[in-house]
Amino acid sequence: MATVFNYDTFVTRNEGYVSPATQAKIKDSSLLIAGNGLGSSTAICAARMGFRKFVLIDGDTVDAHNLNRQFFDFEDIGTPKAAALKKHILRINPEAEVEAIVANLDKSNAAQLVGMVDIIFDTIDFLDLEAILHLHTSARSLGKPIFTALSIGQGAGVLYFPPNAPGSLAEIIAHDVSQATTEGDASYSNVFGKIMARIGAHLDRQVVEQVARALTIMEDGRPCPASQLAVGSFTVAAMAVSMMHDMLAGLPVPQSPHIVVHSFKNHVTKLIDISSDAPAV
């Protein structure tokens, strides 16, 4: 006899931690996962939390070196990440509504994608800066909440931009972009490097060293095999989905320009200002 999926049974063990009203919002909210590598952990965590409407976009395919921290299996190697992630979500909830788009997010599709969902999750990786800014600008113009995350060694950071909030990502890094443009290099690596220079003193030494190494490789125009750990990927998922829950529950959530950073290496959580006028460290 085939097992029949029942949503109420599925989320039974959420009771006591997730109120019925918030669980209903989770059930009905649609989530865009922009970047299905690091974003795969958050998608899986969100699916287990009870989110059931997903739009996935990623133009990359699963490679063997992804398996140390991304939520894919050996059999997924060579498969588009969006298609593989859809498969794994449906294995958790076969009634989930999942649209998998095998393409890169860019300025031509950012606004359309944002308009399709209620919540945006953006994994800032070493991607095209223009595409990321278009995603954030679209979210702000359409009044959609957006969460940005990055893996930080044995930890992670998550940045929350509420709907219609002042201080978009473009505004936060405006000085960095202007300075980088003046220098003749407005690339993601140069702009991101300036942000990391401000917050580096708050991070573990190994993280600073690995980021510096990755940025150096990118400056030479080579693909960047940035070192990342499963611990970081799991931390991104836990932090991001917890913050999404609190947003839907109407609870306070730290917001931009402050990024919530947690490290398991030294067991601390910090709130760090990443704005252009934050003191350099």
Protein backbone atom coordinates (compact mmCIF):
# COMPACT_ATOMS: atom_id res chain seq x y z
CA MET A 1 0.00 0.00 0.00
CA ALA A 2 1.47 3.33 -1.11
CA THR A 3 2.15 5.96 1.53
CA VAL A 4 0.10 9.13 1.02
CA PHE A 5 1.75 12.45 1.79
CA ASN A 6 -0.08 14.56 4.37
CA TYR A 7 1.22 18.08 5.05
CA ASP A 8 -0.23 18.30 8.56
CA THR A 9 1.45 15.05 9.53
CA PHE A 10 4.67 16.18 7.87
CA VAL A 11 4.95 19.31 10.08
CA THR A 12 3.62 17.75 13.29
CA ARG A 13 7.00 17.87 15.00
CA ASN A 14 7.26 21.61 14.28
CA GLU A 15 4.50 22.19 16.83
CA GLY A 16 5.56 24.16 19.87
CA TYR A 17 8.32 25.90 17.93
CA VAL A 18 6.29 27.07 14.93
CA SER A 19 2.85 28.51 15.63
CA PRO A 20 -0.10 27.35 13.47
CA ALA A 21 -0.40 30.86 12.01
CA THR A 22 3.28 30.98 11.06
CA GLN A 23 3.19 27.43 9.67
CA ALA A 24 0.29 28.48 7.44
CA LYS A 25 2.38 31.39 6.14
CA ILE A 26 5.31 29.07 5.52
CA LYS A 27 3.01 26.70 3.63
CA ASP A 28 1.67 29.46 1.40
CA SER A 29 4.86 31.50 0.84
CA SER A 30 6.82 30.99 -2.37
CA LEU A 31 10.60 31.09 -2.26
CA LEU A 32 13.13 31.95 -4.96
CA ILE A 33 16.48 30.22 -4.53
CA ALA A 34 18.88 32.28 -6.65
CA GLY A 35 21.92 30.05 -6.90
CA ASN A 36 21.42 26.35 -6.24
CA GLY A 37 24.90 25.49 -5.02
CA LEU A 38 25.16 27.03 -1.58
CA GLY A 39 21.43 27.68 -1.92
CA SER A 40 20.75 23.94 -1.99
CA SER A 41 21.20 23.65 1.78
CA THR A 42 18.67 26.39 2.46
CA ALA A 43 16.22 24.93 -0.05
CA ILE A 44 16.35 21.53 1.66
CA CYS A 45 16.06 23.06 5.14
CA ALA A 46 13.14 25.22 3.97
CA ALA A 47 11.41 22.19 2.45
CA ARG A 48 11.72 20.31 5.73
CA MET A 49 10.41 23.37 7.60
CA GLY A 50 7.26 23.20 5.48
CA PHE A 51 7.90 25.56 2.56
CA ARG A 52 6.39 23.92 -0.49
CA LYS A 53 6.55 26.52 -3.29
CA PHE A 54 9.95 27.01 -4.90
CA VAL A 55 11.47 28.69 -7.93
CA LEU A 56 15.03 27.48 -8.48
CA ILE A 57 17.51 29.11 -10.86
CA ASP A 58 21.06 28.09 -11.63
CA GLY A 59 22.89 27.56 -14.90
CA ASP A 60 25.59 25.31 -13.45
CA THR A 61 25.81 21.51 -13.25
CA VAL A 62 26.74 19.36 -10.27
CA ASP A 63 30.44 18.53 -10.10
CA ALA A 64 32.28 16.10 -7.83
CA HIS A 65 33.88 18.92 -5.84
CA ASN A 66 30.40 20.23 -4.91
CA LEU A 67 29.56 17.14 -2.87
CA ASN A 68 31.60 18.13 0.19
CA ARG A 69 29.03 20.79 1.15
CA GLN A 70 26.16 21.04 -1.33
CA PHE A 71 23.01 18.94 -0.99
CA PHE A 72 23.57 16.66 -3.95
CA ASP A 73 24.49 12.99 -4.38
CA PHE A 74 27.15 11.24 -6.44
CA GLU A 75 24.49 10.24 -8.96
CA ASP A 76 23.71 13.96 -9.54
CA ILE A 77 27.14 14.68 -11.06
CA GLY A 78 26.66 16.15 -14.53
CA THR A 79 23.02 17.07 -13.83
CA PRO A 80 21.92 20.73 -13.82
CA LYS A 81 21.86 21.89 -10.21
CA ALA A 82 18.33 23.30 -10.52
CA ALA A 83 16.99 19.98 -11.82
CA ALA A 84 18.86 17.94 -9.20
CA LEU A 85 17.68 20.19 -6.37
CA LYS A 86 14.09 19.93 -7.58
CA LYS A 87 14.40 16.16 -7.42
CA HIS A 88 15.65 16.27 -3.82
CA ILE A 89 12.89 18.66 -2.71
CA LEU A 90 10.24 16.41 -4.23
CA ARG A 91 11.72 13.43 -2.40
CA ILE A 92 10.95 15.28 0.83
CA ASN A 93 7.55 16.60 -0.22
CA PRO A 94 6.18 14.99 -3.39
CA GLU A 95 3.40 17.60 -3.47
CA ALA A 96 5.78 20.57 -3.48
CA GLU A 97 5.44 23.02 -6.36
CA VAL A 98 8.93 23.40 -7.79
CA GLU A 99 9.94 25.26 -10.94
CA ALA A 100 13.53 24.56 -11.92
CA ILE A 101 15.12 27.05 -14.33
CA VAL A 102 18.42 25.97 -15.84
CA ALA A 103 19.87 29.40 -16.58
CA ASN A 104 22.02 32.06 -15.00
CA LEU A 105 20.26 34.85 -13.17
CA ASP A 106 20.98 38.14 -14.93
CA LYS A 107 19.56 41.59 -15.53
CA SER A 108 17.19 40.23 -18.18
CA ASN A 109 15.33 37.84 -15.88
CA ALA A 110 15.84 39.19 -12.34
CA ALA A 111 12.66 41.29 -12.18
CA GLN A 112 10.50 38.52 -13.65
CA LEU A 113 11.83 35.98 -11.14
CA VAL A 114 11.31 38.31 -8.19
CA GLY A 115 7.76 38.96 -9.33
CA MET A 116 6.98 35.24 -9.19
CA VAL A 117 7.64 34.75 -5.48
CA ASP A 118 7.14 36.12 -1.97
CA ILE A 119 10.66 35.68 -0.54
CA ILE A 120 14.06 35.77 -2.24
CA PHE A 121 17.14 33.89 -1.08
CA ASP A 122 20.38 35.00 -2.71
CA THR A 123 23.63 33.17 -2.13
CA ILE A 124 26.32 35.75 -2.72
CA ASP A 125 29.09 33.77 -4.30
CA PHE A 126 31.78 34.85 -6.72
CA LEU A 127 29.18 35.74 -9.31
CA ASP A 128 28.42 38.61 -11.65
CA LEU A 129 28.04 41.79 -9.57
CA GLU A 130 25.62 43.33 -12.06
CA ALA A 131 23.26 40.36 -11.80
CA ILE A 132 23.30 40.45 -8.00
CA LEU A 133 22.54 44.16 -7.93
CA HIS A 134 19.67 43.70 -10.39
CA LEU A 135 18.23 40.99 -8.17
CA HIS A 136 18.37 43.21 -5.10
CA THR A 137 17.08 46.27 -6.94
CA SER A 138 14.13 44.26 -8.27
CA ALA A 139 13.34 42.94 -4.80
CA ARG A 140 13.32 46.44 -3.39
CA SER A 141 11.22 47.93 -6.21
CA LEU A 142 8.64 45.14 -5.90
CA GLY A 143 8.61 45.22 -2.09
CA LYS A 144 9.89 41.67 -1.61
CA PRO A 145 12.08 40.56 1.33
CA ILE A 146 15.49 39.26 0.33
CA PHE A 147 18.01 37.26 2.33
CA THR A 148 21.63 37.19 1.23
CA ALA A 149 24.04 34.59 2.59
CA LEU A 150 27.60 33.43 2.34
CA SER A 151 29.54 30.52 3.74
CA ILE A 152 32.33 31.64 6.09
CA GLY A 153 34.63 28.73 6.85
CA GLN A 154 33.13 26.86 9.81
CA GLY A 155 30.26 29.31 9.92
CA ALA A 156 28.12 31.63 7.85
CA GLY A 157 26.69 35.11 7.47
CA VAL A 158 23.15 36.15 6.56
CA LEU A 159 21.98 39.64 5.62
CA TYR A 160 18.26 40.55 5.58
CA PHE A 161 16.70 43.32 3.50
CA PRO A 162 13.05 43.87 4.56
CA PRO A 163 10.42 44.84 1.98
CA ASN A 164 10.60 48.52 1.02
CA ALA A 165 13.37 49.11 3.55
CA PRO A 166 15.81 51.95 3.04
CA GLY A 167 19.34 50.93 2.28
CA SER A 168 19.44 48.50 -0.63
CA LEU A 169 22.56 46.47 -1.34
CA ALA A 170 23.40 48.95 -4.10
CA GLU A 171 23.26 51.83 -1.63
CA ILE A 172 25.24 49.97 1.03
CA ILE A 173 28.13 49.29 -1.33
CA ALA A 174 27.78 52.48 -3.41
CA HIS A 175 31.06 53.90 -2.14
CA ASP A 176 32.85 50.61 -2.80
CA VAL A 177 31.50 50.46 -6.37
CA SER A 178 32.42 54.11 -6.97
CA GLN A 179 35.92 53.59 -5.63
CA ALA A 180 36.37 50.40 -7.63
CA THR A 181 35.17 52.17 -10.78
CA THR A 182 37.66 54.96 -10.18
CA GLU A 183 40.34 52.31 -9.87
CA GLY A 184 39.23 50.91 -13.22
CA ASP A 185 37.99 47.62 -11.77
CA ALA A 186 34.32 47.43 -10.71
CA SER A 187 34.39 43.65 -10.68
CA TYR A 188 32.68 41.60 -8.00
CA SER A 189 36.06 40.51 -6.63
CA ASN A 190 37.27 44.08 -6.18
CA VAL A 191 34.04 45.31 -4.57
CA PHE A 192 33.69 42.24 -2.36
CA GLY A 193 37.32 42.60 -1.36
CA LYS A 194 36.64 46.09 -0.04
CA ILE A 195 33.74 44.82 2.07
CA MET A 196 35.86 42.00 3.44
CA ALA A 197 38.62 44.47 4.28
CA ARG A 198 36.19 46.26 6.63
CA ILE A 199 34.90 43.19 8.41
CA GLY A 200 37.98 40.97 8.22
CA ALA A 201 39.05 41.68 11.80
CA HIS A 202 35.78 40.13 12.99
CA LEU A 203 36.42 36.88 11.13
CA ASP A 204 38.63 33.88 11.75
CA ARG A 205 42.16 34.14 10.34
CA GLN A 206 41.68 31.09 8.11
CA VAL A 207 38.61 32.71 6.53
CA VAL A 208 40.50 35.92 5.76
CA GLU A 209 43.36 33.94 4.22
CA GLN A 210 41.07 31.82 2.03
CA VAL A 211 39.03 34.81 0.86
CA ALA A 212 42.22 36.68 -0.02
CA ARG A 213 43.44 33.64 -1.96
CA ALA A 214 40.14 33.37 -3.84
CA LEU A 215 40.09 37.07 -4.72
CA THR A 216 43.67 36.88 -6.00
CA ILE A 217 42.76 34.00 -8.29
CA MET A 218 39.75 35.92 -9.60
CA GLU A 219 41.84 39.00 -10.30
CA ASP A 220 43.90 36.87 -12.67
CA GLY A 221 40.72 35.97 -14.56
CA ARG A 222 40.77 32.32 -13.53
CA PRO A 223 37.78 30.31 -12.23
CA CYS A 224 37.84 30.32 -8.44
CA PRO A 225 37.65 27.00 -6.57
CA ALA A 226 36.93 28.78 -3.28
CA SER A 227 37.32 26.53 -0.25
CA GLN A 228 34.02 25.90 1.55
CA LEU A 229 32.89 23.42 4.19
CA ALA A 230 29.74 21.45 4.90
CA VAL A 231 29.62 23.17 8.30
CA GLY A 232 29.31 26.53 6.53
CA SER A 233 26.61 25.27 4.20
CA PHE A 234 24.59 23.80 7.07
CA THR A 235 25.01 27.04 9.04
CA VAL A 236 23.74 29.12 6.14
CA ALA A 237 20.61 26.96 5.98
CA ALA A 238 19.95 27.07 9.71
CA MET A 239 20.43 30.82 9.98
CA ALA A 240 18.52 31.75 6.83
CA VAL A 241 15.47 29.55 7.47
CA SER A 242 15.35 30.62 11.12
CA MET A 243 15.37 34.28 10.05
CA MET A 244 12.67 33.60 7.44
CA HIS A 245 10.55 31.99 10.15
CA ASP A 246 10.98 34.99 12.43
CA MET A 247 10.10 37.39 9.62
CA LEU A 248 6.89 35.48 8.87
CA ALA A 249 6.10 35.24 12.59
CA GLY A 250 6.44 39.01 12.97
CA LEU A 251 9.43 38.69 15.28
CA PRO A 252 12.44 41.04 15.24
CA VAL A 253 15.05 40.11 12.64
CA PRO A 254 18.45 41.85 12.38
CA GLN A 255 18.52 43.73 9.09
CA SER A 256 20.86 45.47 6.69
CA PRO A 257 23.40 46.97 6.82
CA HIS A 258 24.17 44.52 9.63
CA ILE A 259 25.04 40.95 8.75
CA VAL A 260 24.54 38.18 11.29
CA VAL A 261 27.71 36.08 11.40
CA HIS A 262 28.11 32.85 13.35
CA SER A 263 31.32 30.83 13.66
CA PHE A 264 31.57 27.35 15.11
CA LYS A 265 35.35 27.62 15.15
CA ASN A 266 35.26 30.08 18.05
CA HIS A 267 31.57 29.61 18.97
CA VAL A 268 30.48 33.24 18.64
CA THR A 269 27.70 35.12 16.89
CA LYS A 270 28.29 38.71 15.82
CA LEU A 271 26.29 41.50 14.21
CA ILE A 272 28.63 43.31 11.81
CA ASP A 273 27.99 46.55 9.91
CA ILE A 274 28.98 46.09 6.24
CA SER A 275 27.98 49.55 5.04
CA SER A 276 30.38 51.72 3.05
CA ASP A 277 30.68 54.21 5.92
CA ALA A 278 31.37 51.55 8.54
CA PRO A 279 34.77 52.00 10.19
CA ALA A 280 37.53 50.10 8.43
CA VAL A 281 38.99 47.26 10.52
